[in-house]
Amino acid sequence: MAKNNMYLSDEEKKARVLMVADYIIKTKSSTRKTAQYFSKNHFLISNATVHDYVNKRLPKLDKRRYEKVVKVLDLNTPKSILDAKTKIRIYTAASYMLQDYTINEIVELLNSTYDTIYDDLTSRLPKLDKKIAEDVRKKLVEHRLSNLPQNADGVSETIIESEAKKYRK
C-alpha cells in the first residue's frame, strides 16, 4: 500500500506533483479523471489534492509544466456559452460534425477533449441554435448507428436504413 501523504519525504512529494502534472499534460485529463486514474493505479489522491498539486505546488517546482497544465485544465473547465471563444469552438465543432467528422476527429482538429466537444454538441449548442443542434443530433445518431456490428444477416444495415429514413424527412 502506498504511503500516506503526510509520511512522504519532500522528494517523494515533488515526484508525485510532477507525475500528476505530466499525466495531465500527456492525456489532457481533467483533475477529477486524474485523481481517479492515480487512485486506481498508483496512490490514493482526491480531486482536491490534484488541484492543490497543480495550483499551489507545481508553479513553485516547474513554471513551464504549470503553464502547460493550466492550458489543458482550461480546456476541461466548463465555460459560459456567452464567452466568445467558447461560442466559436461550439459552432466550429458543429460545422465539422455536419461535414461528417467524428467526435474523435473534431477533438484532434480543435485540440480539445472528448468530453468538452461532446458537451458542446449535445448540451451547449441547443442553447445557442436549436436548428443546428437538431441537425447535429441527427448526425450523432447516424454515427452511432453506423458503428453497430454487422451480423451475417445484415441486420445492422436494416436498422441503420430504417433509422436514417426517420431523419431524412
Protein backbone atom coordinates (compact mmCIF):
# COMPACT_ATOMS: atom_id res chain seq x y z
CA MET A 1 0.00 0.00 0.00
CA ALA A 2 1.25 3.48 -0.85
CA LYS A 3 2.45 5.75 1.94
CA ASN A 4 0.11 8.30 3.44
CA ASN A 5 0.95 11.73 2.03
CA MET A 6 1.95 13.08 5.45
CA TYR A 7 4.73 10.48 5.72
CA LEU A 8 6.28 11.22 2.33
CA SER A 9 9.68 12.84 2.01
CA ASP A 10 9.89 16.18 0.22
CA GLU A 11 11.42 14.40 -2.77
CA GLU A 12 8.56 11.89 -2.92
CA LYS A 13 6.02 14.74 -2.73
CA LYS A 14 7.78 16.58 -5.58
CA ALA A 15 7.87 13.39 -7.64
CA ARG A 16 4.13 12.92 -7.19
CA VAL A 17 3.35 16.51 -8.17
CA LEU A 18 5.44 16.20 -11.33
CA MET A 19 3.97 12.77 -12.14
CA VAL A 20 0.43 14.15 -11.85
CA ALA A 21 1.35 17.17 -13.97
CA ASP A 22 2.92 15.02 -16.68
CA TYR A 23 -0.13 12.76 -16.74
CA ILE A 24 -2.47 15.74 -17.20
CA ILE A 25 -0.30 17.14 -19.99
CA LYS A 26 0.02 13.80 -21.78
CA THR A 27 -3.63 12.71 -21.53
CA LYS A 28 -5.39 16.10 -21.41
CA SER A 29 -7.25 14.69 -18.44
CA SER A 30 -9.41 16.66 -16.02
CA THR A 31 -8.43 16.85 -12.36
CA ARG A 32 -11.27 14.50 -11.48
CA LYS A 33 -10.23 11.86 -14.02
CA THR A 34 -6.59 12.28 -12.99
CA ALA A 35 -7.50 11.61 -9.37
CA GLN A 36 -9.48 8.53 -10.39
CA TYR A 37 -6.60 7.19 -12.51
CA PHE A 38 -3.94 7.68 -9.82
CA SER A 39 -6.16 6.34 -7.03
CA LYS A 40 -6.79 3.18 -9.04
CA ASN A 41 -3.26 2.66 -10.39
CA HIS A 42 -0.69 4.35 -8.15
CA PHE A 43 -1.71 6.04 -4.89
CA LEU A 44 -4.88 7.41 -3.36
CA ILE A 45 -5.44 11.03 -4.28
CA SER A 46 -8.53 13.23 -4.29
CA ASN A 47 -9.67 15.78 -6.83
CA ALA A 48 -8.90 18.49 -4.24
CA THR A 49 -5.34 17.20 -3.85
CA VAL A 50 -4.81 17.20 -7.61
CA HIS A 51 -5.97 20.84 -7.60
CA ASP A 52 -3.57 21.59 -4.76
CA TYR A 53 -0.70 19.89 -6.59
CA VAL A 54 -1.18 21.77 -9.85
CA ASN A 55 -2.23 25.16 -8.50
CA LYS A 56 -0.06 25.57 -5.40
CA ARG A 57 2.90 23.23 -5.61
CA LEU A 58 3.61 22.89 -9.33
CA PRO A 59 4.18 26.64 -10.00
CA LYS A 60 6.98 26.57 -7.40
CA LEU A 61 8.53 23.42 -8.88
CA ASP A 62 8.27 23.89 -12.64
CA LYS A 63 6.76 27.01 -14.19
CA ARG A 64 6.79 25.55 -17.73
CA ARG A 65 4.89 22.43 -16.74
CA TYR A 66 2.48 24.58 -14.75
CA GLU A 67 1.69 26.66 -17.85
CA LYS A 68 1.06 23.51 -19.90
CA VAL A 69 -1.19 22.04 -17.22
CA VAL A 70 -3.18 25.28 -16.97
CA LYS A 71 -3.82 25.18 -20.72
CA VAL A 72 -5.10 21.59 -20.50
CA LEU A 73 -7.28 22.28 -17.47
CA ASP A 74 -8.66 25.37 -19.18
CA LEU A 75 -9.94 23.08 -21.95
CA ASN A 76 -11.65 20.91 -19.35
CA THR A 77 -13.29 23.74 -17.45
CA PRO A 78 -16.87 24.46 -18.43
CA LYS A 79 -17.19 27.95 -19.85
CA SER A 80 -20.19 30.15 -20.23
CA ILE A 81 -21.66 29.80 -23.68
CA LEU A 82 -21.60 33.58 -23.78
CA ASP A 83 -17.80 33.53 -23.89
CA ALA A 84 -16.73 34.36 -27.48
CA LYS A 85 -14.03 31.66 -27.65
CA THR A 86 -16.47 29.06 -26.39
CA LYS A 87 -19.10 30.05 -28.95
CA ILE A 88 -16.55 29.80 -31.74
CA ARG A 89 -15.49 26.32 -30.55
CA ILE A 90 -19.13 25.17 -30.30
CA TYR A 91 -20.05 26.38 -33.80
CA THR A 92 -16.79 25.06 -35.26
CA ALA A 93 -17.41 21.63 -33.72
CA ALA A 94 -20.96 21.67 -35.09
CA SER A 95 -19.70 22.60 -38.54
CA TYR A 96 -17.23 19.70 -38.53
CA MET A 97 -19.91 17.30 -37.32
CA LEU A 98 -22.21 18.36 -40.15
CA GLN A 99 -19.33 17.69 -42.56
CA ASP A 100 -19.32 14.09 -41.25
CA TYR A 101 -16.31 14.29 -38.96
CA THR A 102 -16.43 12.06 -35.88
CA ILE A 103 -16.17 13.48 -32.39
CA ASN A 104 -12.67 11.99 -32.09
CA GLU A 105 -11.60 13.75 -35.29
CA ILE A 106 -13.08 17.03 -34.05
CA VAL A 107 -11.19 16.62 -30.77
CA GLU A 108 -7.95 16.38 -32.72
CA LEU A 109 -8.78 19.26 -35.04
CA LEU A 110 -9.72 21.59 -32.20
CA ASN A 111 -7.06 20.31 -29.80
CA SER A 112 -9.71 19.69 -27.18
CA THR A 113 -11.07 16.80 -25.14
CA TYR A 114 -13.78 14.31 -25.97
CA ASP A 115 -15.94 15.41 -23.04
CA THR A 116 -15.71 19.08 -23.99
CA ILE A 117 -16.67 18.51 -27.63
CA TYR A 118 -19.45 16.10 -26.71
CA ASP A 119 -20.86 18.62 -24.22
CA ASP A 120 -20.52 21.39 -26.81
CA LEU A 121 -22.57 19.42 -29.33
CA THR A 122 -25.18 17.95 -27.02
CA SER A 123 -25.64 20.49 -24.22
CA ARG A 124 -24.29 23.87 -25.22
CA LEU A 125 -25.25 24.03 -28.91
CA PRO A 126 -29.02 23.59 -28.27
CA LYS A 127 -28.88 26.69 -26.07
CA LEU A 128 -27.35 28.68 -28.93
CA ASP A 129 -29.15 27.35 -32.02
CA LYS A 130 -31.90 24.73 -31.85
CA LYS A 131 -31.97 24.10 -35.63
CA ILE A 132 -28.25 23.40 -35.96
CA ALA A 133 -28.41 21.36 -32.75
CA GLU A 134 -31.12 19.15 -34.23
CA ASP A 135 -29.07 18.60 -37.41
CA VAL A 136 -26.03 17.72 -35.28
CA ARG A 137 -28.12 15.34 -33.15
CA LYS A 138 -29.18 13.53 -36.33
CA LYS A 139 -25.52 13.17 -37.38
CA LEU A 140 -24.63 11.81 -33.94
CA VAL A 141 -27.39 9.21 -34.30
CA GLU A 142 -26.13 8.28 -37.78
CA HIS A 143 -22.59 7.89 -36.45
CA ARG A 144 -23.81 5.77 -33.56
CA LEU A 145 -25.85 3.54 -35.85
CA SER A 146 -23.04 3.16 -38.36
CA ASN A 147 -20.86 1.74 -35.59
CA LEU A 148 -23.21 -1.15 -34.88
CA PRO A 149 -21.57 -4.52 -35.53
CA GLN A 150 -22.83 -6.31 -38.60
CA ASN A 151 -24.09 -9.86 -38.39
CA ALA A 152 -24.39 -12.45 -41.13
CA ASP A 153 -27.99 -11.44 -41.83
CA GLY A 154 -27.10 -7.79 -42.35
CA VAL A 155 -29.47 -6.76 -39.56
CA SER A 156 -27.50 -3.66 -38.65
CA GLU A 157 -27.81 -2.34 -42.19
CA THR A 158 -31.59 -2.68 -41.95
CA ILE A 159 -31.63 -0.89 -38.62
CA ILE A 160 -29.40 1.84 -39.95
CA GLU A 161 -31.53 2.37 -43.03
CA SER A 162 -34.82 2.46 -41.10
CA GLU A 163 -33.42 4.86 -38.52
CA ALA A 164 -31.78 7.04 -41.18
CA LYS A 165 -35.13 7.35 -43.03
CA LYS A 166 -36.68 8.90 -39.92
CA TYR A 167 -34.15 11.71 -40.01
CA ARG A 168 -34.13 12.36 -43.75
CA LYS A 169 -37.66 13.76 -43.70
